[in-house]
Amino acid sequence: MAKKVVASFKATSGKDFTKVIRMVKSKKSSAFVFKETIVPNDMIKDFLSTKEN
């Protein structure tokens, strides 16, 4: 019989961050590239409002 695995790690600090995926146009091939970044929740609007080169 299989054992039931229970996740007992409950850290509240993990809920303070969000994974943000940004689409950026490549300068070499003019294709779009997706960049993933983990950002604190209170800085999401600032991160998305800045333009990345």
Protein backbone atom coordinates (compact mmCIF):
# COMPACT_ATOMS: atom_id res chain seq x y z
CA MET A 1 0.00 0.00 0.00
CA ALA A 2 1.33 3.44 -0.91
CA LYS A 3 2.12 6.01 1.75
CA LYS A 4 0.44 9.37 1.63
CA VAL A 5 2.90 12.25 1.30
CA VAL A 6 1.89 15.41 3.14
CA ALA A 7 3.57 18.73 2.48
CA SER A 8 4.30 20.13 5.90
CA PHE A 9 6.42 23.11 4.79
CA LYS A 10 4.26 26.17 5.27
CA ALA A 11 6.29 29.31 4.75
CA THR A 12 4.42 32.55 4.22
CA SER A 13 7.39 34.14 2.47
CA GLY A 14 6.66 32.18 -0.73
CA LYS A 15 3.32 33.93 -1.09
CA ASP A 16 5.02 37.31 -1.27
CA PHE A 17 6.48 36.65 -4.72
CA THR A 18 4.99 36.20 -8.19
CA LYS A 19 6.43 34.68 -11.35
CA VAL A 20 6.18 37.24 -14.16
CA ILE A 21 6.59 36.29 -17.82
CA ARG A 22 7.55 39.12 -20.18
CA MET A 23 7.60 38.96 -23.97
CA VAL A 24 10.67 40.70 -25.42
CA LYS A 25 11.54 41.18 -29.07
CA SER A 26 14.99 39.90 -29.99
CA LYS A 27 17.30 42.35 -31.76
CA LYS A 28 19.09 39.64 -33.75
CA SER A 29 16.22 37.69 -35.27
CA SER A 30 13.23 40.00 -34.62
CA ALA A 31 11.50 37.05 -32.99
CA PHE A 32 9.79 37.25 -29.63
CA VAL A 33 11.45 35.69 -26.58
CA PHE A 34 9.79 35.00 -23.25
CA LYS A 35 11.72 35.95 -20.09
CA GLU A 36 10.59 34.63 -16.72
CA THR A 37 11.38 36.52 -13.52
CA ILE A 38 10.29 36.18 -9.91
CA VAL A 39 9.26 39.58 -8.50
CA PRO A 40 7.92 40.68 -5.08
CA ASN A 41 4.16 41.33 -5.18
CA ASP A 42 4.48 45.02 -4.36
CA MET A 43 6.85 45.65 -7.30
CA ILE A 44 4.90 43.96 -10.12
CA LYS A 45 3.46 47.17 -11.61
CA ASP A 46 6.85 48.88 -11.49
CA PHE A 47 8.52 45.90 -13.16
CA LEU A 48 5.97 45.69 -15.98
CA SER A 49 5.93 49.46 -16.57
CA THR A 50 9.70 49.60 -17.20
CA LYS A 51 10.89 48.93 -20.72
CA GLU A 52 13.49 46.23 -21.14
CA ASN A 53 16.07 46.35 -23.90
